[in-house]
Amino acid sequence: MAVFEAESRESFIEQMVARIEEQFPETYQRLGLSGAMELINHALQKAADHSIQTRGAVQILIELMLDFGNEFQRSPDRQWALGMLRHPTLPDEIKLMAMRQRMTSSTQGRRLVQV
């Protein structure tokens, strides 16, 4: 499955692991390397299921999953976000940017901690 044109899946996973470790240190400490890789692989599968193919869109999806849970369960906009993710005609980066804007504005930019 080719999710990205110019970059291999393994390279993307390595870059995202490093990004999670840098941008989400508490989460990375809790997940560890294997948990971070599992989350990234889950996001890649979710991306494939919803025709999300660009690197930027997948990166936003991973960040949203880190902030709001794998199924956005910590977001007050969960149902809207899931519907947007399933939107059949919007370009992937447009729908993921719209999701990020609405979901983060609902929480005033605060990351919601996992309980």
C-alpha atoms as a PDB file:
ATOM      1  CA  MET A   1       0.000   0.000   0.000  1.00  0.00           C
ATOM      2  CA  ALA A   2       1.514   3.288  -1.072  1.00  0.00           C
ATOM      3  CA  VAL A   3       0.390   5.965   1.344  1.00  0.00           C
ATOM      4  CA  PHE A   4       3.116   8.379   0.280  1.00  0.00           C
ATOM      5  CA  GLU A   5       4.751   8.845  -3.093  1.00  0.00           C
ATOM      6  CA  ALA A   6       8.245  10.096  -2.265  1.00  0.00           C
ATOM      7  CA  GLU A   7       8.734   8.617   1.170  1.00  0.00           C
ATOM      8  CA  SER A   8       8.732   5.069   2.401  1.00  0.00           C
ATOM      9  CA  ARG A   9       6.404   3.932   5.137  1.00  0.00           C
ATOM     10  CA  GLU A  10       9.292   2.994   7.422  1.00  0.00           C
ATOM     11  CA  SER A  11      10.952   6.381   7.050  1.00  0.00           C
ATOM     12  CA  PHE A  12       7.675   8.142   7.829  1.00  0.00           C
ATOM     13  CA  ILE A  13       7.143   5.993  10.924  1.00  0.00           C
ATOM     14  CA  GLU A  14      10.648   6.810  12.177  1.00  0.00           C
ATOM     15  CA  GLN A  15      10.066  10.533  11.619  1.00  0.00           C
ATOM     16  CA  MET A  16       6.713  10.427  13.391  1.00  0.00           C
ATOM     17  CA  VAL A  17       8.170   8.525  16.363  1.00  0.00           C
ATOM     18  CA  ALA A  18      10.794  11.267  16.711  1.00  0.00           C
ATOM     19  CA  ARG A  19       8.091  13.941  16.401  1.00  0.00           C
ATOM     20  CA  ILE A  20       5.935  12.312  19.075  1.00  0.00           C
ATOM     21  CA  GLU A  21       8.950  12.033  21.377  1.00  0.00           C
ATOM     22  CA  GLU A  22       9.726  15.737  20.837  1.00  0.00           C
ATOM     23  CA  GLN A  23       6.233  17.263  20.702  1.00  0.00           C
ATOM     24  CA  PHE A  24       4.380  14.913  23.081  1.00  0.00           C
ATOM     25  CA  PRO A  25       7.055  13.878  25.625  1.00  0.00           C
ATOM     26  CA  GLU A  26       4.649  12.775  28.380  1.00  0.00           C
ATOM     27  CA  THR A  27       2.646  10.690  25.956  1.00  0.00           C
ATOM     28  CA  TYR A  28       5.797   9.204  24.464  1.00  0.00           C
ATOM     29  CA  GLN A  29       7.071   8.306  27.915  1.00  0.00           C
ATOM     30  CA  ARG A  30       3.767   6.558  28.677  1.00  0.00           C
ATOM     31  CA  LEU A  31       3.549   4.778  25.300  1.00  0.00           C
ATOM     32  CA  GLY A  32       7.201   3.948  24.772  1.00  0.00           C
ATOM     33  CA  LEU A  33       8.631   3.167  21.356  1.00  0.00           C
ATOM     34  CA  SER A  34       6.369   0.184  20.691  1.00  0.00           C
ATOM     35  CA  GLY A  35       3.229   2.050  21.732  1.00  0.00           C
ATOM     36  CA  ALA A  36       4.124   5.053  19.581  1.00  0.00           C
ATOM     37  CA  MET A  37       4.724   2.773  16.606  1.00  0.00           C
ATOM     38  CA  GLU A  38       1.409   1.012  17.263  1.00  0.00           C
ATOM     39  CA  LEU A  39      -0.426   4.347  17.317  1.00  0.00           C
ATOM     40  CA  ILE A  40       1.248   5.427  14.069  1.00  0.00           C
ATOM     41  CA  ASN A  41       0.386   2.140  12.373  1.00  0.00           C
ATOM     42  CA  HIS A  42      -3.215   2.475  13.593  1.00  0.00           C
ATOM     43  CA  ALA A  43      -3.302   5.998  12.131  1.00  0.00           C
ATOM     44  CA  LEU A  44      -1.894   4.752   8.825  1.00  0.00           C
ATOM     45  CA  GLN A  45      -4.637   2.130   8.639  1.00  0.00           C
ATOM     46  CA  LYS A  46      -7.298   4.717   9.523  1.00  0.00           C
ATOM     47  CA  ALA A  47      -5.826   7.005   6.849  1.00  0.00           C
ATOM     48  CA  ALA A  48      -5.985   4.237   4.250  1.00  0.00           C
ATOM     49  CA  ASP A  49      -9.573   3.427   5.239  1.00  0.00           C
ATOM     50  CA  HIS A  50     -10.558   7.065   4.610  1.00  0.00           C
ATOM     51  CA  SER A  51      -8.478   7.702   1.451  1.00  0.00           C
ATOM     52  CA  ILE A  52      -6.051   9.983   3.267  1.00  0.00           C
ATOM     53  CA  GLN A  53      -2.840   9.791   1.301  1.00  0.00           C
ATOM     54  CA  THR A  54      -0.693  12.863   1.859  1.00  0.00           C
ATOM     55  CA  ARG A  55       2.056  13.008   4.449  1.00  0.00           C
ATOM     56  CA  GLY A  56       0.744  16.258   5.937  1.00  0.00           C
ATOM     57  CA  ALA A  57      -2.784  14.962   6.353  1.00  0.00           C
ATOM     58  CA  VAL A  58      -1.585  11.757   8.020  1.00  0.00           C
ATOM     59  CA  GLN A  59       0.620  13.785  10.346  1.00  0.00           C
ATOM     60  CA  ILE A  60      -2.375  15.921  11.381  1.00  0.00           C
ATOM     61  CA  LEU A  61      -4.415  12.750  11.925  1.00  0.00           C
ATOM     62  CA  ILE A  62      -1.718  11.353  14.226  1.00  0.00           C
ATOM     63  CA  GLU A  63      -1.561  14.608  16.180  1.00  0.00           C
ATOM     64  CA  LEU A  64      -5.347  14.670  16.575  1.00  0.00           C
ATOM     65  CA  MET A  65      -5.285  11.071  17.778  1.00  0.00           C
ATOM     66  CA  LEU A  66      -2.616  12.009  20.320  1.00  0.00           C
ATOM     67  CA  ASP A  67      -4.591  15.029  21.522  1.00  0.00           C
ATOM     68  CA  PHE A  68      -8.079  13.540  21.479  1.00  0.00           C
ATOM     69  CA  GLY A  69      -7.744   9.743  21.506  1.00  0.00           C
ATOM     70  CA  ASN A  70      -7.569   7.142  18.734  1.00  0.00           C
ATOM     71  CA  GLU A  71     -11.275   7.595  17.996  1.00  0.00           C
ATOM     72  CA  PHE A  72     -11.381  11.260  19.131  1.00  0.00           C
ATOM     73  CA  GLN A  73     -13.249  10.152  22.242  1.00  0.00           C
ATOM     74  CA  ARG A  74     -11.893  13.082  24.305  1.00  0.00           C
ATOM     75  CA  SER A  75     -13.191  15.685  21.846  1.00  0.00           C
ATOM     76  CA  PRO A  76     -16.517  17.443  22.282  1.00  0.00           C
ATOM     77  CA  ASP A  77     -16.637  17.418  18.468  1.00  0.00           C
ATOM     78  CA  ARG A  78     -16.183  13.654  18.130  1.00  0.00           C
ATOM     79  CA  GLN A  79     -19.244  12.908  16.008  1.00  0.00           C
ATOM     80  CA  TRP A  80     -18.606  15.841  13.709  1.00  0.00           C
ATOM     81  CA  ALA A  81     -14.928  14.834  13.342  1.00  0.00           C
ATOM     82  CA  LEU A  82     -15.783  11.235  12.485  1.00  0.00           C
ATOM     83  CA  GLY A  83     -18.275  12.454   9.897  1.00  0.00           C
ATOM     84  CA  MET A  84     -15.709  14.811   8.412  1.00  0.00           C
ATOM     85  CA  LEU A  85     -13.156  11.996   8.271  1.00  0.00           C
ATOM     86  CA  ARG A  86     -15.638   9.924   6.247  1.00  0.00           C
ATOM     87  CA  HIS A  87     -16.453  12.795   3.864  1.00  0.00           C
ATOM     88  CA  PRO A  88     -16.139  11.242   0.399  1.00  0.00           C
ATOM     89  CA  THR A  89     -15.114  14.219  -1.742  1.00  0.00           C
ATOM     90  CA  LEU A  90     -13.124  16.701   0.337  1.00  0.00           C
ATOM     91  CA  PRO A  91      -9.354  16.583  -0.242  1.00  0.00           C
ATOM     92  CA  ASP A  92      -7.598  14.890   2.657  1.00  0.00           C
ATOM     93  CA  GLU A  93      -5.535  17.863   3.828  1.00  0.00           C
ATOM     94  CA  ILE A  94      -8.559  20.186   3.721  1.00  0.00           C
ATOM     95  CA  LYS A  95     -10.679  17.907   5.889  1.00  0.00           C
ATOM     96  CA  LEU A  96      -7.861  17.233   8.364  1.00  0.00           C
ATOM     97  CA  MET A  97      -7.043  20.942   8.680  1.00  0.00           C
ATOM     98  CA  ALA A  98     -10.741  21.701   9.253  1.00  0.00           C
ATOM     99  CA  MET A  99     -10.878  18.966  11.871  1.00  0.00           C
ATOM    100  CA  ARG A 100      -7.795  20.326  13.645  1.00  0.00           C
ATOM    101  CA  GLN A 101      -9.140  23.876  13.616  1.00  0.00           C
ATOM    102  CA  ARG A 102     -12.551  22.991  15.008  1.00  0.00           C
ATOM    103  CA  MET A 103     -11.342  20.433  17.538  1.00  0.00           C
ATOM    104  CA  THR A 104      -8.573  22.634  18.940  1.00  0.00           C
ATOM    105  CA  SER A 105     -10.771  25.728  19.043  1.00  0.00           C
ATOM    106  CA  SER A 106     -13.363  23.780  21.042  1.00  0.00           C
ATOM    107  CA  THR A 107     -10.690  23.115  23.674  1.00  0.00           C
ATOM    108  CA  GLN A 108      -9.090  26.568  23.260  1.00  0.00           C
ATOM    109  CA  GLY A 109      -5.875  24.894  22.116  1.00  0.00           C
ATOM    110  CA  ARG A 110      -5.445  22.837  25.289  1.00  0.00           C
ATOM    111  CA  ARG A 111      -4.355  19.244  24.984  1.00  0.00           C
ATOM    112  CA  LEU A 112      -6.749  16.928  26.696  1.00  0.00           C
ATOM    113  CA  VAL A 113      -4.953  14.478  28.938  1.00  0.00           C
ATOM    114  CA  GLN A 114      -5.767  10.819  28.919  1.00  0.00           C
ATOM    115  CA  VAL A 115      -7.489   9.669  32.100  1.00  0.00           C
END
